[in-house]
Amino acid sequence: MNMNDICYLNGEFLSLADAKISVLDRGFIFGEGLYEVMTAVECNLLHYKNHFKRLRDGAKDMQLEIPFSDSELYCLINEVLARNHFACCSVYLQFTKGPAPRNHFYPSEYVPTLFIMTSPFKMPSCLDVVNAILLKDIRWQKCNVKSTSLYANTWAKTMAKTSGGEEAIFEREGILTEGATSNLFLVYEDRVLTPKENEFILSGVTRELVLEILRRKNINYEETVIPTDSLWRADEVLLTSTTKGVVAVKAINGKPIGNGKNFNLGVEIFEAMKALSFT
C-alpha cells in the first residue's frame, strides 16, 4: 500500500496520506461500523451485487442508514479504481455512523462516514496450501454481521502466525464455525460439508460461489452442524475468502489433513473459480 494511492472519503477523492476522520467518529470510538472487501480485475468489480446485499443486511441489523444506492456505490468504487490504475486489486469499503458526542446510545441524527480504498495484489496462479491452528471461538454472537470490531479475529490470526500457520479455525462447544478470515469446507470421499449459516459464521460471498461450483459439478454437499473431530477424518480441508479464493489446509495444529499432499477437489474448485473471476 502506498500512501499516495487515491481513496474516497465523505465526498472527496484524495490520497491516503490526506484522508482524515473525526476522533469522535463512532467507528473510531466504538468500532461501530460495517465493511466489505471485494476484488477487481482490470477495473471489473467481481460479484459486487452479493457484497452490496450483505452490506445492506448488516446495515439493517446495525440500524445504519446507507444514503447511497447500489449504482452510486458502484460508480464511486469505479472512480477509485480508475484513479489508481491497478490491474488487480482488493477494494475495501467501510461505513460508520460518523462523528457524534460519545454516548453508547445510537445517535438520533448522524451523517455516515464512507471510506473506500484499493490495494494491489497478485491473483494466485495455483492452489495455495497453508497450515492452520484450531482455536476456541471467543467471538460474540453476531458473527453474521461484517462488523469492523475485529479484535478476536486479529488475535486469532496472530496466534496462527506465532504458531507457524496462516489461519485459525474456530470451534465453539465442540462445533466448527469458520476461519478467522475465511469460511470452511471439509471434503470426504462421497460429499463435502460446510457449516450451515447462522449467527456464528459470516455468509461468505466466495463460500456461495464454491457452493454454486459444487452444484454445477453435481458434487454432493451439506450445509450442516460439523463436530470438531470431523476435521481429522476429512480427506481435504478448504478455506475460502474474497482475496484468497480457495486454499487447502495441509495440517492443523501440526497434524496432517488426509495425507497432507493431495488436494484434488481443492485444485478443481480453484480452476473453476479462476474461470468465474471474469464473469
C-alpha atoms as a PDB file:
ATOM      1  CA  MET A   1       0.000   0.000   0.000  1.00  0.00           C
ATOM      2  CA  ASN A   2       1.259   3.436  -0.968  1.00  0.00           C
ATOM      3  CA  MET A   3       0.098   6.470   0.998  1.00  0.00           C
ATOM      4  CA  ASN A   4      -0.160   8.358  -2.311  1.00  0.00           C
ATOM      5  CA  ASP A   5      -2.864   5.961  -3.539  1.00  0.00           C
ATOM      6  CA  ILE A   6      -6.213   7.643  -4.066  1.00  0.00           C
ATOM      7  CA  CYS A   7      -9.125   6.822  -1.810  1.00  0.00           C
ATOM      8  CA  TYR A   8     -12.653   8.159  -1.335  1.00  0.00           C
ATOM      9  CA  LEU A   9     -13.725   9.725   1.946  1.00  0.00           C
ATOM     10  CA  ASN A  10     -17.000  11.556   2.510  1.00  0.00           C
ATOM     11  CA  GLY A  11     -17.394  13.144  -0.899  1.00  0.00           C
ATOM     12  CA  GLU A  12     -13.723  13.627  -1.742  1.00  0.00           C
ATOM     13  CA  PHE A  13     -11.132  11.713  -3.749  1.00  0.00           C
ATOM     14  CA  LEU A  14      -7.774  12.247  -2.081  1.00  0.00           C
ATOM     15  CA  SER A  15      -4.558  10.467  -1.158  1.00  0.00           C
ATOM     16  CA  LEU A  16      -4.498   8.087   1.786  1.00  0.00           C
ATOM     17  CA  ALA A  17      -1.988  10.444   3.405  1.00  0.00           C
ATOM     18  CA  ASP A  18      -4.504  13.294   3.263  1.00  0.00           C
ATOM     19  CA  ALA A  19      -7.559  11.312   4.373  1.00  0.00           C
ATOM     20  CA  LYS A  20      -8.709  12.320   7.879  1.00  0.00           C
ATOM     21  CA  ILE A  21     -11.690  11.398  10.054  1.00  0.00           C
ATOM     22  CA  SER A  22     -13.002  12.924  13.255  1.00  0.00           C
ATOM     23  CA  VAL A  23     -11.665  11.480  16.518  1.00  0.00           C
ATOM     24  CA  LEU A  24     -15.331  11.332  17.587  1.00  0.00           C
ATOM     25  CA  ASP A  25     -16.314   9.058  14.693  1.00  0.00           C
ATOM     26  CA  ARG A  26     -18.247   6.154  16.187  1.00  0.00           C
ATOM     27  CA  GLY A  27     -16.204   3.752  14.094  1.00  0.00           C
ATOM     28  CA  PHE A  28     -13.085   5.052  15.863  1.00  0.00           C
ATOM     29  CA  ILE A  29     -14.583   5.337  19.361  1.00  0.00           C
ATOM     30  CA  PHE A  30     -16.741   2.188  19.431  1.00  0.00           C
ATOM     31  CA  GLY A  31     -15.589   0.099  16.455  1.00  0.00           C
ATOM     32  CA  GLU A  32     -19.165   0.586  15.269  1.00  0.00           C
ATOM     33  CA  GLY A  33     -19.070   0.135  11.519  1.00  0.00           C
ATOM     34  CA  LEU A  34     -19.548  -2.217   8.613  1.00  0.00           C
ATOM     35  CA  TYR A  35     -17.132  -3.131   5.860  1.00  0.00           C
ATOM     36  CA  GLU A  36     -16.832  -5.152   2.675  1.00  0.00           C
ATOM     37  CA  VAL A  37     -13.778  -6.415   0.821  1.00  0.00           C
ATOM     38  CA  MET A  38     -14.158  -7.031  -2.914  1.00  0.00           C
ATOM     39  CA  THR A  39     -11.759  -7.779  -5.735  1.00  0.00           C
ATOM     40  CA  ALA A  40     -11.359  -6.088  -9.092  1.00  0.00           C
ATOM     41  CA  VAL A  41      -9.542  -7.301 -12.199  1.00  0.00           C
ATOM     42  CA  GLU A  42      -8.847  -4.719 -14.922  1.00  0.00           C
ATOM     43  CA  CYS A  43     -11.406  -2.436 -13.221  1.00  0.00           C
ATOM     44  CA  ASN A  44     -14.009  -5.223 -13.357  1.00  0.00           C
ATOM     45  CA  LEU A  45     -15.546  -5.364  -9.871  1.00  0.00           C
ATOM     46  CA  LEU A  46     -16.274  -9.015  -9.108  1.00  0.00           C
ATOM     47  CA  HIS A  47     -19.512 -10.281  -7.512  1.00  0.00           C
ATOM     48  CA  TYR A  48     -20.308  -6.810  -6.192  1.00  0.00           C
ATOM     49  CA  LYS A  49     -24.073  -7.367  -6.050  1.00  0.00           C
ATOM     50  CA  ASN A  50     -23.593 -10.096  -3.446  1.00  0.00           C
ATOM     51  CA  HIS A  51     -21.265  -7.859  -1.442  1.00  0.00           C
ATOM     52  CA  PHE A  52     -23.718  -4.956  -1.550  1.00  0.00           C
ATOM     53  CA  LYS A  53     -26.553  -7.217  -0.388  1.00  0.00           C
ATOM     54  CA  ARG A  54     -24.530  -8.418   2.603  1.00  0.00           C
ATOM     55  CA  LEU A  55     -23.594  -4.813   3.395  1.00  0.00           C
ATOM     56  CA  ARG A  56     -27.245  -3.781   3.439  1.00  0.00           C
ATOM     57  CA  ASP A  57     -28.245  -6.791   5.535  1.00  0.00           C
ATOM     58  CA  GLY A  58     -25.629  -5.775   8.103  1.00  0.00           C
ATOM     59  CA  ALA A  59     -26.745  -2.144   7.973  1.00  0.00           C
ATOM     60  CA  LYS A  60     -30.298  -3.202   8.774  1.00  0.00           C
ATOM     61  CA  ASP A  61     -29.059  -5.116  11.812  1.00  0.00           C
ATOM     62  CA  MET A  62     -26.909  -2.179  12.956  1.00  0.00           C
ATOM     63  CA  GLN A  63     -29.652   0.361  12.177  1.00  0.00           C
ATOM     64  CA  LEU A  64     -27.169   2.188   9.971  1.00  0.00           C
ATOM     65  CA  GLU A  65     -28.646   4.208   7.135  1.00  0.00           C
ATOM     66  CA  ILE A  66     -26.724   3.946   3.857  1.00  0.00           C
ATOM     67  CA  PRO A  67     -27.583   7.079   1.853  1.00  0.00           C
ATOM     68  CA  PHE A  68     -26.332   5.650  -1.447  1.00  0.00           C
ATOM     69  CA  SER A  69     -27.951   3.362  -3.981  1.00  0.00           C
ATOM     70  CA  ASP A  70     -26.074   0.308  -5.209  1.00  0.00           C
ATOM     71  CA  SER A  71     -25.414   2.053  -8.508  1.00  0.00           C
ATOM     72  CA  GLU A  72     -23.970   5.082  -6.703  1.00  0.00           C
ATOM     73  CA  LEU A  73     -21.656   2.877  -4.633  1.00  0.00           C
ATOM     74  CA  TYR A  74     -20.604   1.061  -7.785  1.00  0.00           C
ATOM     75  CA  CYS A  75     -19.764   4.364  -9.503  1.00  0.00           C
ATOM     76  CA  LEU A  76     -17.738   5.617  -6.531  1.00  0.00           C
ATOM     77  CA  ILE A  77     -15.726   2.389  -6.402  1.00  0.00           C
ATOM     78  CA  ASN A  78     -15.128   2.508 -10.154  1.00  0.00           C
ATOM     79  CA  GLU A  79     -13.840   6.059  -9.849  1.00  0.00           C
ATOM     80  CA  VAL A  80     -11.362   4.994  -7.155  1.00  0.00           C
ATOM     81  CA  LEU A  81     -10.285   2.088  -9.373  1.00  0.00           C
ATOM     82  CA  ALA A  82      -9.828   4.385 -12.362  1.00  0.00           C
ATOM     83  CA  ARG A  83      -7.696   6.820 -10.370  1.00  0.00           C
ATOM     84  CA  ASN A  84      -5.308   4.127  -9.116  1.00  0.00           C
ATOM     85  CA  HIS A  85      -4.735   2.106 -12.306  1.00  0.00           C
ATOM     86  CA  PHE A  86      -4.240  -1.284 -10.628  1.00  0.00           C
ATOM     87  CA  ALA A  87      -4.511  -4.337 -12.863  1.00  0.00           C
ATOM     88  CA  CYS A  88      -5.670  -6.469  -9.942  1.00  0.00           C
ATOM     89  CA  CYS A  89      -6.646  -5.192  -6.515  1.00  0.00           C
ATOM     90  CA  SER A  90      -8.802  -5.543  -3.453  1.00  0.00           C
ATOM     91  CA  VAL A  91     -11.430  -2.918  -2.698  1.00  0.00           C
ATOM     92  CA  TYR A  92     -12.126  -2.007   0.918  1.00  0.00           C
ATOM     93  CA  LEU A  93     -15.386  -0.174   1.671  1.00  0.00           C
ATOM     94  CA  GLN A  94     -16.383   0.944   5.161  1.00  0.00           C
ATOM     95  CA  PHE A  95     -19.421   2.701   6.627  1.00  0.00           C
ATOM     96  CA  THR A  96     -19.762   4.082  10.149  1.00  0.00           C
ATOM     97  CA  LYS A  97     -22.387   6.273  11.795  1.00  0.00           C
ATOM     98  CA  GLY A  98     -19.958   9.139  11.630  1.00  0.00           C
ATOM     99  CA  PRO A  99     -18.925  11.643  14.326  1.00  0.00           C
ATOM    100  CA  ALA A 100     -21.152  12.217  17.346  1.00  0.00           C
ATOM    101  CA  PRO A 101     -20.720  13.042  21.050  1.00  0.00           C
ATOM    102  CA  ARG A 102     -19.503   9.904  22.810  1.00  0.00           C
ATOM    103  CA  ASN A 103     -22.550   8.037  24.050  1.00  0.00           C
ATOM    104  CA  HIS A 104     -23.344   4.338  23.997  1.00  0.00           C
ATOM    105  CA  PHE A 105     -26.849   5.020  22.661  1.00  0.00           C
ATOM    106  CA  TYR A 106     -27.165   5.262  18.887  1.00  0.00           C
ATOM    107  CA  PRO A 107     -27.355   8.939  17.836  1.00  0.00           C
ATOM    108  CA  SER A 108     -30.795  10.028  16.683  1.00  0.00           C
ATOM    109  CA  GLU A 109     -29.243  12.056  13.863  1.00  0.00           C
ATOM    110  CA  TYR A 110     -25.922  11.405  12.166  1.00  0.00           C
ATOM    111  CA  VAL A 111     -24.025  11.764   8.904  1.00  0.00           C
ATOM    112  CA  PRO A 112     -22.452   8.405   7.964  1.00  0.00           C
ATOM    113  CA  THR A 113     -18.763   8.158   7.146  1.00  0.00           C
ATOM    114  CA  LEU A 114     -17.979   6.341   3.895  1.00  0.00           C
ATOM    115  CA  PHE A 115     -14.411   5.304   3.117  1.00  0.00           C
ATOM    116  CA  ILE A 116     -13.217   3.390   0.029  1.00  0.00           C
ATOM    117  CA  MET A 117      -9.637   2.339  -0.770  1.00  0.00           C
ATOM    118  CA  THR A 118      -7.911  -0.124  -3.068  1.00  0.00           C
ATOM    119  CA  SER A 119      -4.797  -2.245  -2.594  1.00  0.00           C
ATOM    120  CA  PRO A 120      -2.959  -4.020  -5.420  1.00  0.00           C
ATOM    121  CA  PHE A 121      -2.364  -7.736  -5.131  1.00  0.00           C
ATOM    122  CA  LYS A 122      -1.410 -10.637  -7.359  1.00  0.00           C
ATOM    123  CA  MET A 123      -4.025 -13.231  -8.251  1.00  0.00           C
ATOM    124  CA  PRO A 124      -2.743 -16.705  -7.281  1.00  0.00           C
ATOM    125  CA  SER A 125      -1.757 -18.854 -10.238  1.00  0.00           C
ATOM    126  CA  CYS A 126      -2.226 -22.161  -8.421  1.00  0.00           C
ATOM    127  CA  LEU A 127      -3.885 -23.549  -5.315  1.00  0.00           C
ATOM    128  CA  ASP A 128      -2.169 -22.274  -2.192  1.00  0.00           C
ATOM    129  CA  VAL A 129      -1.556 -24.694   0.694  1.00  0.00           C
ATOM    130  CA  VAL A 130      -1.362 -23.444   4.298  1.00  0.00           C
ATOM    131  CA  ASN A 131      -1.032 -24.615   7.888  1.00  0.00           C
ATOM    132  CA  ALA A 132      -3.734 -23.719  10.409  1.00  0.00           C
ATOM    133  CA  ILE A 133      -4.443 -23.921  14.107  1.00  0.00           C
ATOM    134  CA  LEU A 134      -7.643 -24.741  15.971  1.00  0.00           C
ATOM    135  CA  LEU A 135      -8.903 -22.189  18.477  1.00  0.00           C
ATOM    136  CA  LYS A 136     -11.885 -21.764  20.763  1.00  0.00           C
ATOM    137  CA  ASP A 137     -14.337 -19.316  19.195  1.00  0.00           C
ATOM    138  CA  ILE A 138     -14.374 -16.396  21.646  1.00  0.00           C
ATOM    139  CA  ARG A 139     -16.283 -14.012  19.379  1.00  0.00           C
ATOM    140  CA  TRP A 140     -19.720 -12.547  20.014  1.00  0.00           C
ATOM    141  CA  GLN A 141     -22.994 -13.986  18.711  1.00  0.00           C
ATOM    142  CA  LYS A 142     -23.424 -11.766  15.653  1.00  0.00           C
ATOM    143  CA  CYS A 143     -20.588 -13.057  13.503  1.00  0.00           C
ATOM    144  CA  ASN A 144     -23.007 -12.936  10.550  1.00  0.00           C
ATOM    145  CA  VAL A 145     -22.632  -9.122  10.614  1.00  0.00           C
ATOM    146  CA  LYS A 146     -19.437  -7.952   8.897  1.00  0.00           C
ATOM    147  CA  SER A 147     -18.541  -5.521  11.646  1.00  0.00           C
ATOM    148  CA  THR A 148     -15.305  -3.558  11.932  1.00  0.00           C
ATOM    149  CA  SER A 149     -14.965  -4.805  15.536  1.00  0.00           C
ATOM    150  CA  LEU A 150     -12.365  -7.449  14.702  1.00  0.00           C
ATOM    151  CA  TYR A 151     -10.164  -7.835  17.780  1.00  0.00           C
ATOM    152  CA  ALA A 152     -10.981 -11.540  18.201  1.00  0.00           C
ATOM    153  CA  ASN A 153     -10.113 -12.144  14.534  1.00  0.00           C
ATOM    154  CA  THR A 154      -6.837 -10.232  14.606  1.00  0.00           C
ATOM    155  CA  TRP A 155      -5.896 -12.023  17.845  1.00  0.00           C
ATOM    156  CA  ALA A 156      -6.632 -15.405  16.237  1.00  0.00           C
ATOM    157  CA  LYS A 157      -4.621 -14.585  13.087  1.00  0.00           C
ATOM    158  CA  THR A 158      -1.690 -13.501  15.242  1.00  0.00           C
ATOM    159  CA  MET A 159      -1.868 -16.735  17.268  1.00  0.00           C
ATOM    160  CA  ALA A 160      -1.818 -18.672  13.993  1.00  0.00           C
ATOM    161  CA  LYS A 161       1.227 -16.755  12.737  1.00  0.00           C
ATOM    162  CA  THR A 162       3.035 -17.242  16.051  1.00  0.00           C
ATOM    163  CA  SER A 163       2.422 -20.992  15.683  1.00  0.00           C
ATOM    164  CA  GLY A 164       3.822 -21.055  12.141  1.00  0.00           C
ATOM    165  CA  GLY A 165       0.419 -21.074  10.454  1.00  0.00           C
ATOM    166  CA  GLU A 166      -1.597 -18.694   8.318  1.00  0.00           C
ATOM    167  CA  GLU A 167      -5.162 -19.195   9.527  1.00  0.00           C
ATOM    168  CA  ALA A 168      -7.066 -20.051  12.694  1.00  0.00           C
ATOM    169  CA  ILE A 169     -10.119 -22.313  12.529  1.00  0.00           C
ATOM    170  CA  PHE A 170     -12.724 -21.663  15.213  1.00  0.00           C
ATOM    171  CA  GLU A 171     -14.721 -24.218  17.161  1.00  0.00           C
ATOM    172  CA  ARG A 172     -17.487 -23.435  19.639  1.00  0.00           C
ATOM    173  CA  GLU A 173     -18.561 -26.050  22.176  1.00  0.00           C
ATOM    174  CA  GLY A 174     -17.300 -28.875  20.004  1.00  0.00           C
ATOM    175  CA  ILE A 175     -18.797 -27.499  16.766  1.00  0.00           C
ATOM    176  CA  LEU A 176     -16.804 -25.986  13.886  1.00  0.00           C
ATOM    177  CA  THR A 177     -17.773 -22.468  12.820  1.00  0.00           C
ATOM    178  CA  GLU A 178     -15.312 -20.818  10.389  1.00  0.00           C
ATOM    179  CA  GLY A 179     -11.826 -19.434   9.968  1.00  0.00           C
ATOM    180  CA  ALA A 180     -10.687 -16.098  11.381  1.00  0.00           C
ATOM    181  CA  THR A 181     -10.887 -14.633   7.855  1.00  0.00           C
ATOM    182  CA  SER A 182     -12.418 -17.486   5.884  1.00  0.00           C
ATOM    183  CA  ASN A 183     -15.238 -19.985   5.513  1.00  0.00           C
ATOM    184  CA  LEU A 184     -14.644 -23.685   5.972  1.00  0.00           C
ATOM    185  CA  PHE A 185     -15.213 -26.782   3.805  1.00  0.00           C
ATOM    186  CA  LEU A 186     -14.476 -30.405   4.704  1.00  0.00           C
ATOM    187  CA  VAL A 187     -14.065 -32.849   1.814  1.00  0.00           C
ATOM    188  CA  TYR A 188     -14.875 -36.537   2.101  1.00  0.00           C
ATOM    189  CA  GLU A 189     -14.993 -39.293  -0.495  1.00  0.00           C
ATOM    190  CA  ASP A 190     -18.752 -39.025  -1.065  1.00  0.00           C
ATOM    191  CA  ARG A 191     -19.627 -35.474  -0.020  1.00  0.00           C
ATOM    192  CA  VAL A 192     -18.489 -32.005   1.030  1.00  0.00           C
ATOM    193  CA  LEU A 193     -19.527 -30.460   4.352  1.00  0.00           C
ATOM    194  CA  THR A 194     -19.644 -26.782   5.292  1.00  0.00           C
ATOM    195  CA  PRO A 195     -21.029 -25.200   8.476  1.00  0.00           C
ATOM    196  CA  LYS A 196     -24.591 -24.041   7.979  1.00  0.00           C
ATOM    197  CA  GLU A 197     -25.304 -20.328   8.016  1.00  0.00           C
ATOM    198  CA  ASN A 198     -26.174 -18.985  11.442  1.00  0.00           C
ATOM    199  CA  GLU A 199     -25.145 -16.214  13.819  1.00  0.00           C
ATOM    200  CA  PHE A 200     -21.701 -17.775  14.298  1.00  0.00           C
ATOM    201  CA  ILE A 201     -20.497 -17.552  10.693  1.00  0.00           C
ATOM    202  CA  LEU A 202     -20.307 -14.868   8.055  1.00  0.00           C
ATOM    203  CA  SER A 203     -22.265 -15.577   4.894  1.00  0.00           C
ATOM    204  CA  GLY A 204     -19.234 -15.550   2.614  1.00  0.00           C
ATOM    205  CA  VAL A 205     -19.562 -14.415  -0.999  1.00  0.00           C
ATOM    206  CA  THR A 206     -16.816 -16.848  -2.026  1.00  0.00           C
ATOM    207  CA  ARG A 207     -18.480 -19.565   0.074  1.00  0.00           C
ATOM    208  CA  GLU A 208     -21.631 -19.199  -2.008  1.00  0.00           C
ATOM    209  CA  LEU A 209     -19.553 -19.217  -5.196  1.00  0.00           C
ATOM    210  CA  VAL A 210     -17.998 -22.536  -4.178  1.00  0.00           C
ATOM    211  CA  LEU A 211     -21.443 -23.997  -3.437  1.00  0.00           C
ATOM    212  CA  GLU A 212     -22.526 -22.945  -6.934  1.00  0.00           C
ATOM    213  CA  ILE A 213     -19.467 -24.692  -8.406  1.00  0.00           C
ATOM    214  CA  LEU A 214     -20.313 -27.862  -6.464  1.00  0.00           C
ATOM    215  CA  ARG A 215     -23.885 -27.733  -7.787  1.00  0.00           C
ATOM    216  CA  ARG A 216     -22.679 -27.324 -11.365  1.00  0.00           C
ATOM    217  CA  LYS A 217     -20.337 -30.281 -10.962  1.00  0.00           C
ATOM    218  CA  ASN A 218     -23.041 -32.422  -9.315  1.00  0.00           C
ATOM    219  CA  ILE A 219     -20.903 -32.887  -6.216  1.00  0.00           C
ATOM    220  CA  ASN A 220     -22.921 -33.729  -3.110  1.00  0.00           C
ATOM    221  CA  TYR A 221     -22.628 -31.218  -0.286  1.00  0.00           C
ATOM    222  CA  GLU A 222     -24.333 -30.453   3.005  1.00  0.00           C
ATOM    223  CA  GLU A 223     -24.650 -27.244   4.971  1.00  0.00           C
ATOM    224  CA  THR A 224     -24.804 -28.704   8.434  1.00  0.00           C
ATOM    225  CA  VAL A 225     -23.540 -28.814  12.021  1.00  0.00           C
ATOM    226  CA  ILE A 226     -19.995 -30.257  11.951  1.00  0.00           C
ATOM    227  CA  PRO A 227     -18.372 -31.684  15.103  1.00  0.00           C
ATOM    228  CA  THR A 228     -14.790 -30.575  15.608  1.00  0.00           C
ATOM    229  CA  ASP A 229     -13.390 -34.118  15.448  1.00  0.00           C
ATOM    230  CA  SER A 230     -14.683 -34.357  11.858  1.00  0.00           C
ATOM    231  CA  LEU A 231     -11.562 -32.437  10.830  1.00  0.00           C
ATOM    232  CA  TRP A 232      -9.327 -35.444  11.426  1.00  0.00           C
ATOM    233  CA  ARG A 233     -11.415 -37.717   9.205  1.00  0.00           C
ATOM    234  CA  ALA A 234     -11.543 -35.323   6.230  1.00  0.00           C
ATOM    235  CA  ASP A 235      -9.631 -36.037   3.018  1.00  0.00           C
ATOM    236  CA  GLU A 236      -9.250 -32.292   2.412  1.00  0.00           C
ATOM    237  CA  VAL A 237      -9.950 -29.115   4.380  1.00  0.00           C
ATOM    238  CA  LEU A 238     -10.511 -25.999   2.270  1.00  0.00           C
ATOM    239  CA  LEU A 239     -10.811 -22.352   3.260  1.00  0.00           C
ATOM    240  CA  THR A 240     -12.478 -19.660   1.155  1.00  0.00           C
ATOM    241  CA  SER A 241     -12.336 -15.863   1.174  1.00  0.00           C
ATOM    242  CA  THR A 242     -12.614 -12.961  -1.252  1.00  0.00           C
ATOM    243  CA  THR A 243      -8.917 -12.173  -1.626  1.00  0.00           C
ATOM    244  CA  LYS A 244      -7.555 -15.727  -1.278  1.00  0.00           C
ATOM    245  CA  GLY A 245     -10.258 -17.514  -3.263  1.00  0.00           C
ATOM    246  CA  VAL A 246      -9.814 -21.103  -2.100  1.00  0.00           C
ATOM    247  CA  VAL A 247      -6.811 -22.504  -0.238  1.00  0.00           C
ATOM    248  CA  ALA A 248      -6.099 -26.013   1.064  1.00  0.00           C
ATOM    249  CA  VAL A 249      -5.058 -26.798   4.611  1.00  0.00           C
ATOM    250  CA  LYS A 250      -2.048 -29.115   4.863  1.00  0.00           C
ATOM    251  CA  ALA A 251      -2.090 -29.529   8.638  1.00  0.00           C
ATOM    252  CA  ILE A 252      -3.971 -28.255  11.702  1.00  0.00           C
ATOM    253  CA  ASN A 253      -2.073 -27.939  14.985  1.00  0.00           C
ATOM    254  CA  GLY A 254       0.744 -29.768  13.187  1.00  0.00           C
ATOM    255  CA  LYS A 255      -1.446 -32.800  12.401  1.00  0.00           C
ATOM    256  CA  PRO A 256      -1.751 -33.581   8.654  1.00  0.00           C
ATOM    257  CA  ILE A 257      -5.150 -33.475   6.952  1.00  0.00           C
ATOM    258  CA  GLY A 258      -5.626 -36.601   4.828  1.00  0.00           C
ATOM    259  CA  ASN A 259      -2.191 -37.470   3.537  1.00  0.00           C
ATOM    260  CA  GLY A 260      -1.215 -33.793   3.597  1.00  0.00           C
ATOM    261  CA  LYS A 261      -0.330 -33.881  -0.092  1.00  0.00           C
ATOM    262  CA  ASN A 262      -3.345 -34.432  -2.354  1.00  0.00           C
ATOM    263  CA  PHE A 263      -5.917 -31.668  -2.724  1.00  0.00           C
ATOM    264  CA  ASN A 264      -7.785 -32.862  -5.799  1.00  0.00           C
ATOM    265  CA  LEU A 265     -11.092 -31.128  -5.162  1.00  0.00           C
ATOM    266  CA  GLY A 266      -9.297 -28.006  -3.998  1.00  0.00           C
ATOM    267  CA  VAL A 267      -7.469 -27.800  -7.316  1.00  0.00           C
ATOM    268  CA  GLU A 268     -10.692 -28.448  -9.233  1.00  0.00           C
ATOM    269  CA  ILE A 269     -12.532 -25.682  -7.378  1.00  0.00           C
ATOM    270  CA  PHE A 270      -9.577 -23.304  -7.786  1.00  0.00           C
ATOM    271  CA  GLU A 271      -9.589 -23.776 -11.569  1.00  0.00           C
ATOM    272  CA  ALA A 272     -13.358 -23.292 -11.741  1.00  0.00           C
ATOM    273  CA  MET A 273     -13.086 -20.107  -9.679  1.00  0.00           C
ATOM    274  CA  LYS A 274     -10.431 -18.689 -11.997  1.00  0.00           C
ATOM    275  CA  ALA A 275     -12.872 -19.028 -14.886  1.00  0.00           C
ATOM    276  CA  LEU A 276     -15.633 -17.328 -12.869  1.00  0.00           C
ATOM    277  CA  SER A 277     -13.386 -14.449 -11.806  1.00  0.00           C
ATOM    278  CA  PHE A 278     -14.099 -12.689 -15.081  1.00  0.00           C
ATOM    279  CA  THR A 279     -17.879 -13.173 -15.137  1.00  0.00           C
END
